[in-house]
Amino acid sequence: MNVKIIKPDSTLYDGPATLVQLPGTGGLFELLENHAPIISSLAAGKIRLQADGQEEKSFEIKAGVVKGQQNDILILVQ
């Protein structure tokens, strides 16, 4: 799936991932390929990304929102 993590002034990540772990306001949750459409708010914490054959990446955020559908994940963060 394609993942974009965007801050107001820059793009933190734009590329593939097989797993995305997010700090939701109700607790941690994960998105995998072919996940059902989702829109959710995010709390302060760490976003973790894993892609085949690549080292895990992580990003600290203060808050944000995520929208996912058809293997396109858009994450807007502060």
PDB file of N, CA and C in Angstrom:
ATOM      1  N   MET A   1       0.844  -1.174   0.000  1.00  0.00           N
ATOM      2  CA  MET A   1       0.000   0.000   0.000  1.00  0.00           C
ATOM      3  C   MET A   1       0.886   1.231   0.000  1.00  0.00           C
ATOM      4  N   ASN A   2       0.349   2.342  -0.488  1.00  0.00           N
ATOM      5  CA  ASN A   2       1.097   3.589  -0.545  1.00  0.00           C
ATOM      6  C   ASN A   2       0.723   4.458   0.653  1.00  0.00           C
ATOM      7  N   VAL A   3       1.731   4.983   1.339  1.00  0.00           N
ATOM      8  CA  VAL A   3       1.513   5.772   2.547  1.00  0.00           C
ATOM      9  C   VAL A   3       2.150   7.147   2.381  1.00  0.00           C
ATOM     10  N   LYS A   4       1.394   8.185   2.734  1.00  0.00           N
ATOM     11  CA  LYS A   4       1.922   9.548   2.777  1.00  0.00           C
ATOM     12  C   LYS A   4       1.701  10.083   4.179  1.00  0.00           C
ATOM     13  N   ILE A   5       2.774  10.604   4.786  1.00  0.00           N
ATOM     14  CA  ILE A   5       2.690  11.271   6.086  1.00  0.00           C
ATOM     15  C   ILE A   5       3.095  12.722   5.852  1.00  0.00           C
ATOM     16  N   ILE A   6       2.158  13.629   6.108  1.00  0.00           N
ATOM     17  CA  ILE A   6       2.375  15.029   5.762  1.00  0.00           C
ATOM     18  C   ILE A   6       2.194  15.924   6.989  1.00  0.00           C
ATOM     19  N   LYS A   7       3.183  16.812   7.200  1.00  0.00           N
ATOM     20  CA  LYS A   7       3.094  17.878   8.203  1.00  0.00           C
ATOM     21  C   LYS A   7       2.717  19.154   7.463  1.00  0.00           C
ATOM     22  N   PRO A   8       2.296  20.199   8.180  1.00  0.00           N
ATOM     23  CA  PRO A   8       1.928  21.440   7.486  1.00  0.00           C
ATOM     24  C   PRO A   8       3.053  22.019   6.613  1.00  0.00           C
ATOM     25  N   ASP A   9       4.307  21.787   7.002  1.00  0.00           N
ATOM     26  CA  ASP A   9       5.420  22.391   6.276  1.00  0.00           C
ATOM     27  C   ASP A   9       6.297  21.404   5.515  1.00  0.00           C
ATOM     28  N   SER A  10       6.001  20.112   5.570  1.00  0.00           N
ATOM     29  CA  SER A  10       6.864  19.147   4.882  1.00  0.00           C
ATOM     30  C   SER A  10       6.191  17.782   4.765  1.00  0.00           C
ATOM     31  N   THR A  11       6.774  16.946   3.944  1.00  0.00           N
ATOM     32  CA  THR A  11       6.339  15.557   3.817  1.00  0.00           C
ATOM     33  C   THR A  11       7.341  14.686   4.564  1.00  0.00           C
ATOM     34  N   LEU A  12       6.863  13.926   5.554  1.00  0.00           N
ATOM     35  CA  LEU A  12       7.737  13.059   6.335  1.00  0.00           C
ATOM     36  C   LEU A  12       8.028  11.745   5.616  1.00  0.00           C
ATOM     37  N   TYR A  13       7.022  11.228   4.893  1.00  0.00           N
ATOM     38  CA  TYR A  13       7.190   9.942   4.223  1.00  0.00           C
ATOM     39  C   TYR A  13       6.213   9.852   3.061  1.00  0.00           C
ATOM     40  N   ASP A  14       6.686   9.282   1.959  1.00  0.00           N
ATOM     41  CA  ASP A  14       5.835   9.028   0.794  1.00  0.00           C
ATOM     42  C   ASP A  14       6.398   7.790   0.122  1.00  0.00           C
ATOM     43  N   GLY A  15       5.760   6.646   0.381  1.00  0.00           N
ATOM     44  CA  GLY A  15       6.273   5.412  -0.187  1.00  0.00           C
ATOM     45  C   GLY A  15       5.463   4.207   0.226  1.00  0.00           C
ATOM     46  N   PRO A  16       6.000   3.024  -0.053  1.00  0.00           N
ATOM     47  CA  PRO A  16       5.269   1.794   0.230  1.00  0.00           C
ATOM     48  C   PRO A  16       5.365   1.371   1.691  1.00  0.00           C
ATOM     49  N   ALA A  17       4.384   0.595   2.128  1.00  0.00           N
ATOM     50  CA  ALA A  17       4.407  -0.018   3.457  1.00  0.00           C
ATOM     51  C   ALA A  17       3.496  -1.240   3.428  1.00  0.00           C
ATOM     52  N   THR A  18       3.853  -2.239   4.217  1.00  0.00           N
ATOM     53  CA  THR A  18       2.999  -3.417   4.352  1.00  0.00           C
ATOM     54  C   THR A  18       2.244  -3.383   5.678  1.00  0.00           C
ATOM     55  N   LEU A  19       2.727  -2.556   6.620  1.00  0.00           N
ATOM     56  CA  LEU A  19       2.090  -2.411   7.920  1.00  0.00           C
ATOM     57  C   LEU A  19       2.282  -0.983   8.406  1.00  0.00           C
ATOM     58  N   VAL A  20       1.214  -0.389   8.928  1.00  0.00           N
ATOM     59  CA  VAL A  20       1.279   0.939   9.538  1.00  0.00           C
ATOM     60  C   VAL A  20       0.633   0.830  10.909  1.00  0.00           C
ATOM     61  N   GLN A  21       1.389   1.181  11.948  1.00  0.00           N
ATOM     62  CA  GLN A  21       0.840   1.201  13.308  1.00  0.00           C
ATOM     63  C   GLN A  21       0.676   2.658  13.718  1.00  0.00           C
ATOM     64  N   LEU A  22      -0.525   2.990  14.224  1.00  0.00           N
ATOM     65  CA  LEU A  22      -0.873   4.381  14.516  1.00  0.00           C
ATOM     66  C   LEU A  22      -1.378   4.547  15.947  1.00  0.00           C
ATOM     67  N   PRO A  23      -1.074   5.706  16.572  1.00  0.00           N
ATOM     68  CA  PRO A  23      -1.571   5.990  17.918  1.00  0.00           C
ATOM     69  C   PRO A  23      -2.952   6.655  17.870  1.00  0.00           C
ATOM     70  N   GLY A  24      -3.991   5.878  17.768  1.00  0.00           N
ATOM     71  CA  GLY A  24      -5.342   6.421  17.727  1.00  0.00           C
ATOM     72  C   GLY A  24      -5.735   7.024  19.063  1.00  0.00           C
ATOM     73  N   THR A  25      -6.740   7.876  19.065  1.00  0.00           N
ATOM     74  CA  THR A  25      -7.193   8.482  20.311  1.00  0.00           C
ATOM     75  C   THR A  25      -7.799   7.439  21.251  1.00  0.00           C
ATOM     76  N   GLY A  26      -8.205   6.299  20.713  1.00  0.00           N
ATOM     77  CA  GLY A  26      -8.721   5.202  21.534  1.00  0.00           C
ATOM     78  C   GLY A  26      -7.691   4.111  21.791  1.00  0.00           C
ATOM     79  N   GLY A  27      -6.463   4.298  21.334  1.00  0.00           N
ATOM     80  CA  GLY A  27      -5.399   3.313  21.511  1.00  0.00           C
ATOM     81  C   GLY A  27      -4.722   2.992  20.186  1.00  0.00           C
ATOM     82  N   LEU A  28      -3.660   2.209  20.257  1.00  0.00           N
ATOM     83  CA  LEU A  28      -2.912   1.827  19.060  1.00  0.00           C
ATOM     84  C   LEU A  28      -3.759   0.957  18.140  1.00  0.00           C
ATOM     85  N   PHE A  29      -3.581   1.151  16.828  1.00  0.00           N
ATOM     86  CA  PHE A  29      -4.201   0.250  15.857  1.00  0.00           C
ATOM     87  C   PHE A  29      -3.292   0.133  14.643  1.00  0.00           C
ATOM     88  N   GLU A  30      -3.524  -0.903  13.844  1.00  0.00           N
ATOM     89  CA  GLU A  30      -2.690  -1.180  12.685  1.00  0.00           C
ATOM     90  C   GLU A  30      -3.526  -1.241  11.421  1.00  0.00           C
ATOM     91  N   LEU A  31      -2.900  -0.818  10.325  1.00  0.00           N
ATOM     92  CA  LEU A  31      -3.494  -0.941   9.003  1.00  0.00           C
ATOM     93  C   LEU A  31      -2.615  -1.878   8.184  1.00  0.00           C
ATOM     94  N   LEU A  32      -3.230  -2.839   7.533  1.00  0.00           N
ATOM     95  CA  LEU A  32      -2.545  -3.769   6.654  1.00  0.00           C
ATOM     96  C   LEU A  32      -3.112  -3.599   5.252  1.00  0.00           C
ATOM     97  N   GLU A  33      -2.481  -4.222   4.270  1.00  0.00           N
ATOM     98  CA  GLU A  33      -2.978  -4.148   2.901  1.00  0.00           C
ATOM     99  C   GLU A  33      -4.424  -4.617   2.828  1.00  0.00           C
ATOM    100  N   ASN A  34      -5.191  -3.970   1.972  1.00  0.00           N
ATOM    101  CA  ASN A  34      -6.612  -4.265   1.744  1.00  0.00           C
ATOM    102  C   ASN A  34      -7.484  -4.028   2.970  1.00  0.00           C
ATOM    103  N   HIS A  35      -7.068  -3.116   3.842  1.00  0.00           N
ATOM    104  CA  HIS A  35      -7.859  -2.744   5.017  1.00  0.00           C
ATOM    105  C   HIS A  35      -9.148  -2.072   4.551  1.00  0.00           C
ATOM    106  N   ALA A  36     -10.199  -2.221   5.313  1.00  0.00           N
ATOM    107  CA  ALA A  36     -11.460  -1.532   5.021  1.00  0.00           C
ATOM    108  C   ALA A  36     -11.234  -0.018   5.085  1.00  0.00           C
ATOM    109  N   PRO A  37     -12.019   0.764   4.349  1.00  0.00           N
ATOM    110  CA  PRO A  37     -11.871   2.224   4.420  1.00  0.00           C
ATOM    111  C   PRO A  37     -11.963   2.715   5.868  1.00  0.00           C
ATOM    112  N   ILE A  38     -11.138   3.731   6.180  1.00  0.00           N
ATOM    113  CA  ILE A  38     -11.080   4.216   7.558  1.00  0.00           C
ATOM    114  C   ILE A  38     -10.773   5.708   7.575  1.00  0.00           C
ATOM    115  N   ILE A  39     -11.358   6.397   8.532  1.00  0.00           N
ATOM    116  CA  ILE A  39     -10.991   7.767   8.898  1.00  0.00           C
ATOM    117  C   ILE A  39     -10.933   7.766  10.415  1.00  0.00           C
ATOM    118  N   SER A  40      -9.814   8.256  10.978  1.00  0.00           N
ATOM    119  CA  SER A  40      -9.662   8.237  12.430  1.00  0.00           C
ATOM    120  C   SER A  40      -8.786   9.393  12.891  1.00  0.00           C
ATOM    121  N   SER A  41      -9.025   9.838  14.114  1.00  0.00           N
ATOM    122  CA  SER A  41      -8.164  10.848  14.724  1.00  0.00           C
ATOM    123  C   SER A  41      -6.984  10.148  15.395  1.00  0.00           C
ATOM    124  N   LEU A  42      -5.880  10.878  15.488  1.00  0.00           N
ATOM    125  CA  LEU A  42      -4.660  10.337  16.086  1.00  0.00           C
ATOM    126  C   LEU A  42      -4.247  11.172  17.290  1.00  0.00           C
ATOM    127  N   ALA A  43      -3.685  10.507  18.275  1.00  0.00           N
ATOM    128  CA  ALA A  43      -3.194  11.158  19.486  1.00  0.00           C
ATOM    129  C   ALA A  43      -1.669  11.279  19.409  1.00  0.00           C
ATOM    130  N   ALA A  44      -1.091  11.907  20.404  1.00  0.00           N
ATOM    131  CA  ALA A  44       0.366  11.992  20.484  1.00  0.00           C
ATOM    132  C   ALA A  44       0.932  10.587  20.610  1.00  0.00           C
ATOM    133  N   GLY A  45       2.032  10.343  19.920  1.00  0.00           N
ATOM    134  CA  GLY A  45       2.664   9.029  19.973  1.00  0.00           C
ATOM    135  C   GLY A  45       3.554   8.803  18.777  1.00  0.00           C
ATOM    136  N   LYS A  46       3.732   7.539  18.425  1.00  0.00           N
ATOM    137  CA  LYS A  46       4.669   7.156  17.379  1.00  0.00           C
ATOM    138  C   LYS A  46       3.951   6.395  16.277  1.00  0.00           C
ATOM    139  N   ILE A  47       4.201   6.807  15.031  1.00  0.00           N
ATOM    140  CA  ILE A  47       3.751   6.055  13.858  1.00  0.00           C
ATOM    141  C   ILE A  47       4.888   5.121  13.460  1.00  0.00           C
ATOM    142  N   ARG A  48       4.563   3.849  13.277  1.00  0.00           N
ATOM    143  CA  ARG A  48       5.553   2.857  12.830  1.00  0.00           C
ATOM    144  C   ARG A  48       5.156   2.355  11.452  1.00  0.00           C
ATOM    145  N   LEU A  49       6.149   2.268  10.550  1.00  0.00           N
ATOM    146  CA  LEU A  49       5.933   1.751   9.205  1.00  0.00           C
ATOM    147  C   LEU A  49       6.861   0.590   8.953  1.00  0.00           C
ATOM    148  N   GLN A  50       6.343  -0.443   8.292  1.00  0.00           N
ATOM    149  CA  GLN A  50       7.176  -1.569   7.885  1.00  0.00           C
ATOM    150  C   GLN A  50       6.900  -1.858   6.417  1.00  0.00           C
ATOM    151  N   ALA A  51       7.951  -1.982   5.620  1.00  0.00           N
ATOM    152  CA  ALA A  51       7.831  -2.350   4.212  1.00  0.00           C
ATOM    153  C   ALA A  51       8.717  -3.563   3.963  1.00  0.00           C
ATOM    154  N   ASP A  52       8.322  -4.391   3.025  1.00  0.00           N
ATOM    155  CA  ASP A  52       9.097  -5.595   2.712  1.00  0.00           C
ATOM    156  C   ASP A  52      10.556  -5.261   2.436  1.00  0.00           C
ATOM    157  N   GLY A  53      11.454  -5.941   3.121  1.00  0.00           N
ATOM    158  CA  GLY A  53      12.880  -5.790   2.885  1.00  0.00           C
ATOM    159  C   GLY A  53      13.483  -4.474   3.316  1.00  0.00           C
ATOM    160  N   GLN A  54      12.748  -3.654   4.036  1.00  0.00           N
ATOM    161  CA  GLN A  54      13.268  -2.368   4.487  1.00  0.00           C
ATOM    162  C   GLN A  54      13.267  -2.299   6.010  1.00  0.00           C
ATOM    163  N   GLU A  55      14.139  -1.447   6.513  1.00  0.00           N
ATOM    164  CA  GLU A  55      14.189  -1.221   7.959  1.00  0.00           C
ATOM    165  C   GLU A  55      12.921  -0.487   8.404  1.00  0.00           C
ATOM    166  N   GLU A  56      12.431  -0.827   9.599  1.00  0.00           N
ATOM    167  CA  GLU A  56      11.249  -0.162  10.138  1.00  0.00           C
ATOM    168  C   GLU A  56      11.528   1.326  10.326  1.00  0.00           C
ATOM    169  N   LYS A  57      10.534   2.145   9.998  1.00  0.00           N
ATOM    170  CA  LYS A  57      10.644   3.592  10.185  1.00  0.00           C
ATOM    171  C   LYS A  57       9.630   4.015  11.242  1.00  0.00           C
ATOM    172  N   SER A  58       9.965   5.063  12.010  1.00  0.00           N
ATOM    173  CA  SER A  58       9.024   5.572  12.999  1.00  0.00           C
ATOM    174  C   SER A  58       9.093   7.094  13.032  1.00  0.00           C
ATOM    175  N   PHE A  59       7.946   7.695  13.367  1.00  0.00           N
ATOM    176  CA  PHE A  59       7.812   9.147  13.396  1.00  0.00           C
ATOM    177  C   PHE A  59       7.014   9.534  14.628  1.00  0.00           C
ATOM    178  N   GLU A  60       7.537  10.461  15.426  1.00  0.00           N
ATOM    179  CA  GLU A  60       6.821  10.987  16.592  1.00  0.00           C
ATOM    180  C   GLU A  60       5.848  12.074  16.122  1.00  0.00           C
ATOM    181  N   ILE A  61       4.609  12.008  16.634  1.00  0.00           N
ATOM    182  CA  ILE A  61       3.625  13.027  16.275  1.00  0.00           C
ATOM    183  C   ILE A  61       2.957  13.566  17.538  1.00  0.00           C
ATOM    184  N   LYS A  62       2.350  14.755  17.409  1.00  0.00           N
ATOM    185  CA  LYS A  62       1.599  15.352  18.516  1.00  0.00           C
ATOM    186  C   LYS A  62       0.115  15.059  18.393  1.00  0.00           C
ATOM    187  N   ALA A  63      -0.380  14.998  17.156  1.00  0.00           N
ATOM    188  CA  ALA A  63      -1.790  14.716  16.872  1.00  0.00           C
ATOM    189  C   ALA A  63      -1.938  14.601  15.368  1.00  0.00           C
ATOM    190  N   GLY A  64      -3.125  14.172  14.921  1.00  0.00           N
ATOM    191  CA  GLY A  64      -3.347  14.103  13.491  1.00  0.00           C
ATOM    192  C   GLY A  64      -4.609  13.350  13.138  1.00  0.00           C
ATOM    193  N   VAL A  65      -4.741  13.072  11.837  1.00  0.00           N
ATOM    194  CA  VAL A  65      -5.859  12.289  11.314  1.00  0.00           C
ATOM    195  C   VAL A  65      -5.317  11.355  10.243  1.00  0.00           C
ATOM    196  N   VAL A  66      -6.023  10.251  10.042  1.00  0.00           N
ATOM    197  CA  VAL A  66      -5.654   9.302   8.993  1.00  0.00           C
ATOM    198  C   VAL A  66      -6.884   8.995   8.157  1.00  0.00           C
ATOM    199  N   LYS A  67      -6.674   8.879   6.855  1.00  0.00           N
ATOM    200  CA  LYS A  67      -7.730   8.454   5.929  1.00  0.00           C
ATOM    201  C   LYS A  67      -7.134   7.352   5.067  1.00  0.00           C
ATOM    202  N   GLY A  68      -7.821   6.232   4.996  1.00  0.00           N
ATOM    203  CA  GLY A  68      -7.333   5.128   4.186  1.00  0.00           C
ATOM    204  C   GLY A  68      -8.435   4.496   3.374  1.00  0.00           C
ATOM    205  N   GLN A  69      -8.125   4.221   2.102  1.00  0.00           N
ATOM    206  CA  GLN A  69      -9.055   3.487   1.246  1.00  0.00           C
ATOM    207  C   GLN A  69      -8.284   2.964   0.041  1.00  0.00           C
ATOM    208  N   GLN A  70      -8.629   1.781  -0.413  1.00  0.00           N
ATOM    209  CA  GLN A  70      -8.034   1.159  -1.600  1.00  0.00           C
ATOM    210  C   GLN A  70      -6.502   1.190  -1.563  1.00  0.00           C
ATOM    211  N   ASN A  71      -5.928   0.836  -0.412  1.00  0.00           N
ATOM    212  CA  ASN A  71      -4.484   0.761  -0.209  1.00  0.00           C
ATOM    213  C   ASN A  71      -3.743   2.095  -0.376  1.00  0.00           C
ATOM    214  N   ASP A  72      -4.458   3.219  -0.270  1.00  0.00           N
ATOM    215  CA  ASP A  72      -3.841   4.538  -0.203  1.00  0.00           C
ATOM    216  C   ASP A  72      -4.123   5.104   1.179  1.00  0.00           C
ATOM    217  N   ILE A  73      -3.042   5.365   1.937  1.00  0.00           N
ATOM    218  CA  ILE A  73      -3.156   5.861   3.307  1.00  0.00           C
ATOM    219  C   ILE A  73      -2.590   7.282   3.346  1.00  0.00           C
ATOM    220  N   LEU A  74      -3.410   8.230   3.777  1.00  0.00           N
ATOM    221  CA  LEU A  74      -2.987   9.610   3.936  1.00  0.00           C
ATOM    222  C   LEU A  74      -3.048   9.949   5.416  1.00  0.00           C
ATOM    223  N   ILE A  75      -1.909  10.394   5.965  1.00  0.00           N
ATOM    224  CA  ILE A  75      -1.816  10.730   7.377  1.00  0.00           C
ATOM    225  C   ILE A  75      -1.364  12.190   7.485  1.00  0.00           C
ATOM    226  N   LEU A  76      -2.212  13.027   8.079  1.00  0.00           N
ATOM    227  CA  LEU A  76      -1.891  14.435   8.299  1.00  0.00           C
ATOM    228  C   LEU A  76      -1.567  14.608   9.766  1.00  0.00           C
ATOM    229  N   VAL A  77      -0.381  15.154  10.071  1.00  0.00           N
ATOM    230  CA  VAL A  77       0.076  15.217  11.466  1.00  0.00           C
ATOM    231  C   VAL A  77       0.617  16.601  11.828  1.00  0.00           C
ATOM    232  N   GLN A  78       0.741  16.785  13.140  1.00  0.00           N
ATOM    233  CA  GLN A  78       1.393  17.965  13.706  1.00  0.00           C
ATOM    234  C   GLN A  78       2.665  17.527  14.370  1.00  0.00           C
TER     235      GLN A  78
END
